Amino acid sequence: MRIQRITGSSRIGLKCFEDQTDSKNAHGRTIPGPGGTGVRATLFSPRPGRDPATVLARPATRTLLLPDDSEDIGREALIRTRWMTRVVLAWVAVIGWAALIWMLGGDSFSFSETSRTMAPWIEWLIGDIDVRTRYQIYLAVRKSAHFAEYAILALLAFRAALISASRTHLATAGWIALFIVATLASADEARQTFSAVRTGSPRDVLIDVAGGLLAVLGVLVITRRMRSPASVGTSG
């Protein structure tokens, strides 16, 4: 008797065993399955009223199709499901942070609006200062916020790109992150040119891209140092 096992990769294997006859002249055998479970393979049974000798006179070699490697297939499906979940969550984080940046670029967070919020805090920290110095502090805080926002966006996009593809493609993930940063920064500043209370500036685009570039370069340097043979030998 030949047992033909079908796997997930369509590889076929033949296995021979000697069939057994039970009290009803039904020929079969329990095939060991995954985890010690058995699969009953019935070869044939004579019809009522037929002579079993006639049935047994048929050729003794038959082919039976049985599924195989069910545990491996289930494990691969579970791993793929977990990977897809990580990919979706990683890109949801990117989209969510990009939406926050887009909201902060609206008219509600213009210079005049945020300066009124920051004024009490600056006076509490520094004290009474002249208008020009206060303006310079406001400007520095806003530009630093630009830099930090897009640095975080670059890190999230870099991580999402790595999870989606291969962790060995660090440079590709870095370029994807910088493309997302530059695209969002340009679009945000472009829409501010049509605002009555805000002004779009190419300088702000450069600040945003610089924040993303510094974040990506930092991650690349740290990751490559961790993967270098010297660091592995030192840690061991």
C-alpha atoms as a PDB file:
ATOM      1  CA  MET A   1       0.000   0.000   0.000  1.00  0.00           C
ATOM      2  CA  ARG A   2       1.358   3.436  -0.887  1.00  0.00           C
ATOM      3  CA  ILE A   3       0.457   6.474   1.143  1.00  0.00           C
ATOM      4  CA  GLN A   4       0.802   9.725  -0.748  1.00  0.00           C
ATOM      5  CA  ARG A   5       1.181  12.667   1.643  1.00  0.00           C
ATOM      6  CA  ILE A   6       0.315  16.199   0.519  1.00  0.00           C
ATOM      7  CA  THR A   7       2.222  19.053   2.149  1.00  0.00           C
ATOM      8  CA  GLY A   8       1.748  22.801   2.036  1.00  0.00           C
ATOM      9  CA  SER A   9       4.586  23.159  -0.451  1.00  0.00           C
ATOM     10  CA  SER A  10       3.067  20.551  -2.789  1.00  0.00           C
ATOM     11  CA  ARG A  11       5.885  18.109  -2.175  1.00  0.00           C
ATOM     12  CA  ILE A  12       4.687  14.524  -2.478  1.00  0.00           C
ATOM     13  CA  GLY A  13       6.155  11.593  -0.575  1.00  0.00           C
ATOM     14  CA  LEU A  14       5.254   7.925  -0.818  1.00  0.00           C
ATOM     15  CA  LYS A  15       5.086   5.644   2.154  1.00  0.00           C
ATOM     16  CA  CYS A  16       4.425   1.904   2.098  1.00  0.00           C
ATOM     17  CA  PHE A  17       2.755  -0.143   4.787  1.00  0.00           C
ATOM     18  CA  GLU A  18       1.044  -3.487   5.053  1.00  0.00           C
ATOM     19  CA  ASP A  19      -2.730  -3.182   5.357  1.00  0.00           C
ATOM     20  CA  GLN A  20      -4.720  -4.985   7.995  1.00  0.00           C
ATOM     21  CA  THR A  21      -8.154  -6.609   7.785  1.00  0.00           C
ATOM     22  CA  ASP A  22     -10.725  -6.168  10.526  1.00  0.00           C
ATOM     23  CA  SER A  23     -13.783  -8.288  11.336  1.00  0.00           C
ATOM     24  CA  LYS A  24     -15.807  -6.623   8.576  1.00  0.00           C
ATOM     25  CA  ASN A  25     -13.136  -7.305   5.972  1.00  0.00           C
ATOM     26  CA  ALA A  26     -12.457  -3.565   5.768  1.00  0.00           C
ATOM     27  CA  HIS A  27      -8.810  -3.008   5.043  1.00  0.00           C
ATOM     28  CA  GLY A  28      -7.142  -0.085   6.732  1.00  0.00           C
ATOM     29  CA  ARG A  29      -4.593   1.130   9.176  1.00  0.00           C
ATOM     30  CA  THR A  30      -4.140   3.966  11.659  1.00  0.00           C
ATOM     31  CA  ILE A  31      -1.380   6.252  10.388  1.00  0.00           C
ATOM     32  CA  PRO A  32       0.593   8.148  13.070  1.00  0.00           C
ATOM     33  CA  GLY A  33      -0.233  11.838  12.779  1.00  0.00           C
ATOM     34  CA  PRO A  34       1.158  15.064  14.305  1.00  0.00           C
ATOM     35  CA  GLY A  35       1.444  14.987  18.064  1.00  0.00           C
ATOM     36  CA  GLY A  36       0.933  11.241  18.257  1.00  0.00           C
ATOM     37  CA  THR A  37      -2.616  11.372  16.908  1.00  0.00           C
ATOM     38  CA  GLY A  38      -3.798   8.705  14.512  1.00  0.00           C
ATOM     39  CA  VAL A  39      -5.432   9.047  11.109  1.00  0.00           C
ATOM     40  CA  ARG A  40      -7.588   6.111  10.082  1.00  0.00           C
ATOM     41  CA  ALA A  41      -7.053   5.267   6.426  1.00  0.00           C
ATOM     42  CA  THR A  42      -9.697   2.858   5.093  1.00  0.00           C
ATOM     43  CA  LEU A  43      -8.496   1.156   1.958  1.00  0.00           C
ATOM     44  CA  PHE A  44     -11.681  -0.571   0.844  1.00  0.00           C
ATOM     45  CA  SER A  45     -14.486  -2.720   2.186  1.00  0.00           C
ATOM     46  CA  PRO A  46     -16.528  -5.307   0.315  1.00  0.00           C
ATOM     47  CA  ARG A  47     -20.078  -4.519  -0.600  1.00  0.00           C
ATOM     48  CA  PRO A  48     -22.768  -6.502   1.232  1.00  0.00           C
ATOM     49  CA  GLY A  49     -23.244  -9.898  -0.364  1.00  0.00           C
ATOM     50  CA  ARG A  50     -19.911  -9.907  -2.179  1.00  0.00           C
ATOM     51  CA  ASP A  51     -17.306 -12.524  -1.581  1.00  0.00           C
ATOM     52  CA  PRO A  52     -14.371 -11.011   0.341  1.00  0.00           C
ATOM     53  CA  ALA A  53     -12.030 -13.234  -1.624  1.00  0.00           C
ATOM     54  CA  THR A  54     -13.114 -11.455  -4.811  1.00  0.00           C
ATOM     55  CA  VAL A  55     -12.358  -8.085  -3.254  1.00  0.00           C
ATOM     56  CA  LEU A  56      -9.028  -9.246  -1.905  1.00  0.00           C
ATOM     57  CA  ALA A  57      -8.073 -10.450  -5.355  1.00  0.00           C
ATOM     58  CA  ARG A  58      -7.716  -6.834  -6.473  1.00  0.00           C
ATOM     59  CA  PRO A  59      -4.212  -5.411  -6.817  1.00  0.00           C
ATOM     60  CA  ALA A  60      -2.671  -4.936  -3.384  1.00  0.00           C
ATOM     61  CA  THR A  61      -1.030  -1.609  -4.212  1.00  0.00           C
ATOM     62  CA  ARG A  62      -3.192   1.475  -3.944  1.00  0.00           C
ATOM     63  CA  THR A  63      -2.488   5.172  -3.535  1.00  0.00           C
ATOM     64  CA  LEU A  64      -4.116   7.082  -0.686  1.00  0.00           C
ATOM     65  CA  LEU A  65      -3.898  10.871  -0.329  1.00  0.00           C
ATOM     66  CA  LEU A  66      -3.302  12.094   3.211  1.00  0.00           C
ATOM     67  CA  PRO A  67      -2.460  15.591   4.470  1.00  0.00           C
ATOM     68  CA  ASP A  68       0.938  15.972   6.068  1.00  0.00           C
ATOM     69  CA  ASP A  69       2.878  18.564   8.083  1.00  0.00           C
ATOM     70  CA  SER A  70      -0.274  20.104   9.542  1.00  0.00           C
ATOM     71  CA  GLU A  71       1.635  21.368  12.570  1.00  0.00           C
ATOM     72  CA  ASP A  72       4.189  23.165  10.390  1.00  0.00           C
ATOM     73  CA  ILE A  73       1.460  24.749   8.277  1.00  0.00           C
ATOM     74  CA  GLY A  74      -0.378  25.964  11.375  1.00  0.00           C
ATOM     75  CA  ARG A  75       2.812  27.364  12.865  1.00  0.00           C
ATOM     76  CA  GLU A  76       3.658  29.234   9.661  1.00  0.00           C
ATOM     77  CA  ALA A  77       0.141  30.684   9.521  1.00  0.00           C
ATOM     78  CA  LEU A  78       0.433  31.889  13.124  1.00  0.00           C
ATOM     79  CA  ILE A  79       3.822  33.489  12.479  1.00  0.00           C
ATOM     80  CA  ARG A  80       2.501  35.248   9.378  1.00  0.00           C
ATOM     81  CA  THR A  81      -0.557  36.518  11.260  1.00  0.00           C
ATOM     82  CA  ARG A  82       1.622  37.960  14.017  1.00  0.00           C
ATOM     83  CA  TRP A  83       3.915  39.577  11.451  1.00  0.00           C
ATOM     84  CA  MET A  84       0.968  41.164   9.635  1.00  0.00           C
ATOM     85  CA  THR A  85      -0.348  42.503  12.942  1.00  0.00           C
ATOM     86  CA  ARG A  86       3.018  44.112  13.703  1.00  0.00           C
ATOM     87  CA  VAL A  87       3.170  45.657  10.233  1.00  0.00           C
ATOM     88  CA  VAL A  88      -0.322  47.144  10.524  1.00  0.00           C
ATOM     89  CA  LEU A  89       0.321  48.541  14.007  1.00  0.00           C
ATOM     90  CA  ALA A  90       3.654  50.039  12.925  1.00  0.00           C
ATOM     91  CA  TRP A  91       2.095  51.927  10.013  1.00  0.00           C
ATOM     92  CA  VAL A  92      -0.895  52.976  12.121  1.00  0.00           C
ATOM     93  CA  ALA A  93       1.605  54.652  14.469  1.00  0.00           C
ATOM     94  CA  VAL A  94       3.187  56.462  11.506  1.00  0.00           C
ATOM     95  CA  ILE A  95      -0.180  57.646  10.197  1.00  0.00           C
ATOM     96  CA  GLY A  96      -1.317  58.720  13.662  1.00  0.00           C
ATOM     97  CA  TRP A  97       1.824  60.778  14.295  1.00  0.00           C
ATOM     98  CA  ALA A  98       1.624  62.328  10.822  1.00  0.00           C
ATOM     99  CA  ALA A  99      -1.989  63.307  11.529  1.00  0.00           C
ATOM    100  CA  LEU A 100      -0.875  64.981  14.773  1.00  0.00           C
ATOM    101  CA  ILE A 101       1.796  66.958  12.910  1.00  0.00           C
ATOM    102  CA  TRP A 102      -0.772  67.998  10.319  1.00  0.00           C
ATOM    103  CA  MET A 103      -3.115  69.196  13.077  1.00  0.00           C
ATOM    104  CA  LEU A 104      -0.340  71.181  14.775  1.00  0.00           C
ATOM    105  CA  GLY A 105       0.327  72.867  11.443  1.00  0.00           C
ATOM    106  CA  GLY A 106      -3.189  74.318  11.372  1.00  0.00           C
ATOM    107  CA  ASP A 107      -4.310  77.859  12.189  1.00  0.00           C
ATOM    108  CA  SER A 108      -5.169  76.936  15.788  1.00  0.00           C
ATOM    109  CA  PHE A 109      -1.452  76.502  16.525  1.00  0.00           C
ATOM    110  CA  SER A 110      -0.154  79.634  14.842  1.00  0.00           C
ATOM    111  CA  PHE A 111       2.579  81.770  16.401  1.00  0.00           C
ATOM    112  CA  SER A 112       0.115  84.221  17.935  1.00  0.00           C
ATOM    113  CA  GLU A 113      -1.953  81.444  19.495  1.00  0.00           C
ATOM    114  CA  THR A 114       0.924  79.446  20.969  1.00  0.00           C
ATOM    115  CA  SER A 115       2.754  82.538  22.237  1.00  0.00           C
ATOM    116  CA  ARG A 116      -0.192  83.357  24.497  1.00  0.00           C
ATOM    117  CA  THR A 117       0.045  79.853  25.946  1.00  0.00           C
ATOM    118  CA  MET A 118       3.814  79.954  26.425  1.00  0.00           C
ATOM    119  CA  ALA A 119       3.997  83.468  27.891  1.00  0.00           C
ATOM    120  CA  PRO A 120       3.044  82.563  31.494  1.00  0.00           C
ATOM    121  CA  TRP A 121       5.469  79.638  31.552  1.00  0.00           C
ATOM    122  CA  ILE A 122       8.379  81.695  30.229  1.00  0.00           C
ATOM    123  CA  GLU A 123       7.729  84.464  32.738  1.00  0.00           C
ATOM    124  CA  TRP A 124       7.602  81.880  35.527  1.00  0.00           C
ATOM    125  CA  LEU A 125      10.895  80.275  34.444  1.00  0.00           C
ATOM    126  CA  ILE A 126      12.900  83.339  33.410  1.00  0.00           C
ATOM    127  CA  GLY A 127      11.075  86.295  34.868  1.00  0.00           C
ATOM    128  CA  ASP A 128      10.263  89.626  33.288  1.00  0.00           C
ATOM    129  CA  ILE A 129      12.142  90.038  29.995  1.00  0.00           C
ATOM    130  CA  ASP A 130      11.935  92.421  27.080  1.00  0.00           C
ATOM    131  CA  VAL A 131       9.725  91.761  24.079  1.00  0.00           C
ATOM    132  CA  ARG A 132      12.582  90.976  21.689  1.00  0.00           C
ATOM    133  CA  THR A 133      14.091  88.322  23.963  1.00  0.00           C
ATOM    134  CA  ARG A 134      10.669  86.805  24.532  1.00  0.00           C
ATOM    135  CA  TYR A 135      10.122  86.629  20.788  1.00  0.00           C
ATOM    136  CA  GLN A 136      13.448  84.854  20.280  1.00  0.00           C
ATOM    137  CA  ILE A 137      12.527  82.296  22.941  1.00  0.00           C
ATOM    138  CA  TYR A 138       9.139  81.675  21.332  1.00  0.00           C
ATOM    139  CA  LEU A 139      10.803  81.189  17.964  1.00  0.00           C
ATOM    140  CA  ALA A 140      13.429  78.792  19.345  1.00  0.00           C
ATOM    141  CA  VAL A 141      10.773  76.681  21.058  1.00  0.00           C
ATOM    142  CA  ARG A 142       8.674  76.450  17.897  1.00  0.00           C
ATOM    143  CA  LYS A 143      11.615  75.502  15.671  1.00  0.00           C
ATOM    144  CA  SER A 144      12.772  72.913  18.202  1.00  0.00           C
ATOM    145  CA  ALA A 145       9.264  71.463  18.157  1.00  0.00           C
ATOM    146  CA  HIS A 146       9.481  71.228  14.352  1.00  0.00           C
ATOM    147  CA  PHE A 147      12.776  69.384  14.630  1.00  0.00           C
ATOM    148  CA  ALA A 148      11.534  66.952  17.295  1.00  0.00           C
ATOM    149  CA  GLU A 149       8.201  66.213  15.588  1.00  0.00           C
ATOM    150  CA  TYR A 150       9.804  65.104  12.359  1.00  0.00           C
ATOM    151  CA  ALA A 151      12.609  63.235  14.116  1.00  0.00           C
ATOM    152  CA  ILE A 152       9.971  61.084  15.831  1.00  0.00           C
ATOM    153  CA  LEU A 153       8.126  60.649  12.523  1.00  0.00           C
ATOM    154  CA  ALA A 154      11.341  59.450  10.880  1.00  0.00           C
ATOM    155  CA  LEU A 155      11.953  56.906  13.647  1.00  0.00           C
ATOM    156  CA  LEU A 156       8.415  55.534  13.390  1.00  0.00           C
ATOM    157  CA  ALA A 157       8.604  55.316   9.586  1.00  0.00           C
ATOM    158  CA  PHE A 158      12.051  53.702   9.759  1.00  0.00           C
ATOM    159  CA  ARG A 159      10.749  51.041  12.139  1.00  0.00           C
ATOM    160  CA  ALA A 160       7.638  50.391  10.031  1.00  0.00           C
ATOM    161  CA  ALA A 161       9.722  50.002   6.874  1.00  0.00           C
ATOM    162  CA  LEU A 162      12.047  47.518   8.588  1.00  0.00           C
ATOM    163  CA  ILE A 163       9.178  45.405   9.888  1.00  0.00           C
ATOM    164  CA  SER A 164       7.446  45.429   6.501  1.00  0.00           C
ATOM    165  CA  ALA A 165      10.506  44.263   4.554  1.00  0.00           C
ATOM    166  CA  SER A 166      13.727  42.815   5.935  1.00  0.00           C
ATOM    167  CA  ARG A 167      15.741  43.985   8.910  1.00  0.00           C
ATOM    168  CA  THR A 168      18.899  43.811   6.808  1.00  0.00           C
ATOM    169  CA  HIS A 169      17.759  46.625   4.462  1.00  0.00           C
ATOM    170  CA  LEU A 170      18.664  49.481   6.797  1.00  0.00           C
ATOM    171  CA  ALA A 171      19.561  51.964   4.062  1.00  0.00           C
ATOM    172  CA  THR A 172      16.307  51.334   2.185  1.00  0.00           C
ATOM    173  CA  ALA A 173      14.288  51.866   5.357  1.00  0.00           C
ATOM    174  CA  GLY A 174      16.182  55.099   5.958  1.00  0.00           C
ATOM    175  CA  TRP A 175      15.366  56.443   2.499  1.00  0.00           C
ATOM    176  CA  ILE A 176      11.699  55.543   2.932  1.00  0.00           C
ATOM    177  CA  ALA A 177      11.602  57.391   6.255  1.00  0.00           C
ATOM    178  CA  LEU A 178      13.252  60.489   4.782  1.00  0.00           C
ATOM    179  CA  PHE A 179      10.855  60.460   1.824  1.00  0.00           C
ATOM    180  CA  ILE A 180       7.867  60.429   4.181  1.00  0.00           C
ATOM    181  CA  VAL A 181       9.375  63.244   6.262  1.00  0.00           C
ATOM    182  CA  ALA A 182      10.155  65.434   3.249  1.00  0.00           C
ATOM    183  CA  THR A 183       6.742  64.838   1.669  1.00  0.00           C
ATOM    184  CA  LEU A 184       4.773  65.722   4.794  1.00  0.00           C
ATOM    185  CA  ALA A 185       6.961  68.728   5.613  1.00  0.00           C
ATOM    186  CA  SER A 186       6.598  70.141   2.097  1.00  0.00           C
ATOM    187  CA  ALA A 187       2.832  69.587   2.063  1.00  0.00           C
ATOM    188  CA  ASP A 188       2.410  71.177   5.497  1.00  0.00           C
ATOM    189  CA  GLU A 189       4.387  74.281   4.622  1.00  0.00           C
ATOM    190  CA  ALA A 190       2.680  74.553   1.231  1.00  0.00           C
ATOM    191  CA  ARG A 191      -0.790  74.691   2.775  1.00  0.00           C
ATOM    192  CA  GLN A 192       0.369  77.327   5.273  1.00  0.00           C
ATOM    193  CA  THR A 193       1.117  79.701   2.404  1.00  0.00           C
ATOM    194  CA  PHE A 194      -2.656  79.919   1.843  1.00  0.00           C
ATOM    195  CA  SER A 195      -3.378  80.657   5.520  1.00  0.00           C
ATOM    196  CA  ALA A 196      -4.195  84.138   6.798  1.00  0.00           C
ATOM    197  CA  VAL A 197      -2.390  83.641  10.125  1.00  0.00           C
ATOM    198  CA  ARG A 198       0.520  81.412   9.133  1.00  0.00           C
ATOM    199  CA  THR A 199       3.300  81.611   6.568  1.00  0.00           C
ATOM    200  CA  GLY A 200       4.910  78.636   4.898  1.00  0.00           C
ATOM    201  CA  SER A 201       8.681  78.708   4.805  1.00  0.00           C
ATOM    202  CA  PRO A 202      11.234  76.611   2.904  1.00  0.00           C
ATOM    203  CA  ARG A 203      13.492  77.092   5.923  1.00  0.00           C
ATOM    204  CA  ASP A 204      11.015  75.170   8.059  1.00  0.00           C
ATOM    205  CA  VAL A 205      11.067  72.338   5.517  1.00  0.00           C
ATOM    206  CA  LEU A 206      14.841  72.161   5.877  1.00  0.00           C
ATOM    207  CA  ILE A 207      14.526  72.100   9.677  1.00  0.00           C
ATOM    208  CA  ASP A 208      11.985  69.279   9.472  1.00  0.00           C
ATOM    209  CA  VAL A 209      14.102  67.226   7.074  1.00  0.00           C
ATOM    210  CA  ALA A 210      17.182  67.862   9.225  1.00  0.00           C
ATOM    211  CA  GLY A 211      15.351  66.436  12.228  1.00  0.00           C
ATOM    212  CA  GLY A 212      14.384  63.327  10.285  1.00  0.00           C
ATOM    213  CA  LEU A 213      17.865  62.945   8.793  1.00  0.00           C
ATOM    214  CA  LEU A 214      19.587  63.188  12.166  1.00  0.00           C
ATOM    215  CA  ALA A 215      17.229  60.591  13.652  1.00  0.00           C
ATOM    216  CA  VAL A 216      17.785  58.141  10.783  1.00  0.00           C
ATOM    217  CA  LEU A 217      21.561  58.585  10.819  1.00  0.00           C
ATOM    218  CA  GLY A 218      21.630  58.037  14.566  1.00  0.00           C
ATOM    219  CA  VAL A 219      19.682  54.793  14.271  1.00  0.00           C
ATOM    220  CA  LEU A 220      21.862  53.570  11.391  1.00  0.00           C
ATOM    221  CA  VAL A 221      25.082  54.242  13.288  1.00  0.00           C
ATOM    222  CA  ILE A 222      23.845  52.577  16.477  1.00  0.00           C
ATOM    223  CA  THR A 223      22.409  49.563  14.634  1.00  0.00           C
ATOM    224  CA  ARG A 224      25.529  48.939  12.559  1.00  0.00           C
ATOM    225  CA  ARG A 225      27.763  49.205  15.603  1.00  0.00           C
ATOM    226  CA  MET A 226      25.600  46.668  17.406  1.00  0.00           C
ATOM    227  CA  ARG A 227      25.798  44.316  14.414  1.00  0.00           C
ATOM    228  CA  SER A 228      29.541  44.654  13.881  1.00  0.00           C
ATOM    229  CA  PRO A 229      31.703  41.582  14.722  1.00  0.00           C
ATOM    230  CA  ALA A 230      33.796  43.630  17.142  1.00  0.00           C
ATOM    231  CA  SER A 231      30.791  44.557  19.271  1.00  0.00           C
ATOM    232  CA  VAL A 232      29.517  40.973  19.194  1.00  0.00           C
ATOM    233  CA  GLY A 233      32.897  39.644  20.337  1.00  0.00           C
ATOM    234  CA  THR A 234      33.140  42.246  23.096  1.00  0.00           C
ATOM    235  CA  SER A 235      29.651  41.523  24.392  1.00  0.00           C
ATOM    236  CA  GLY A 236      30.373  37.779  24.396  1.00  0.00           C
END
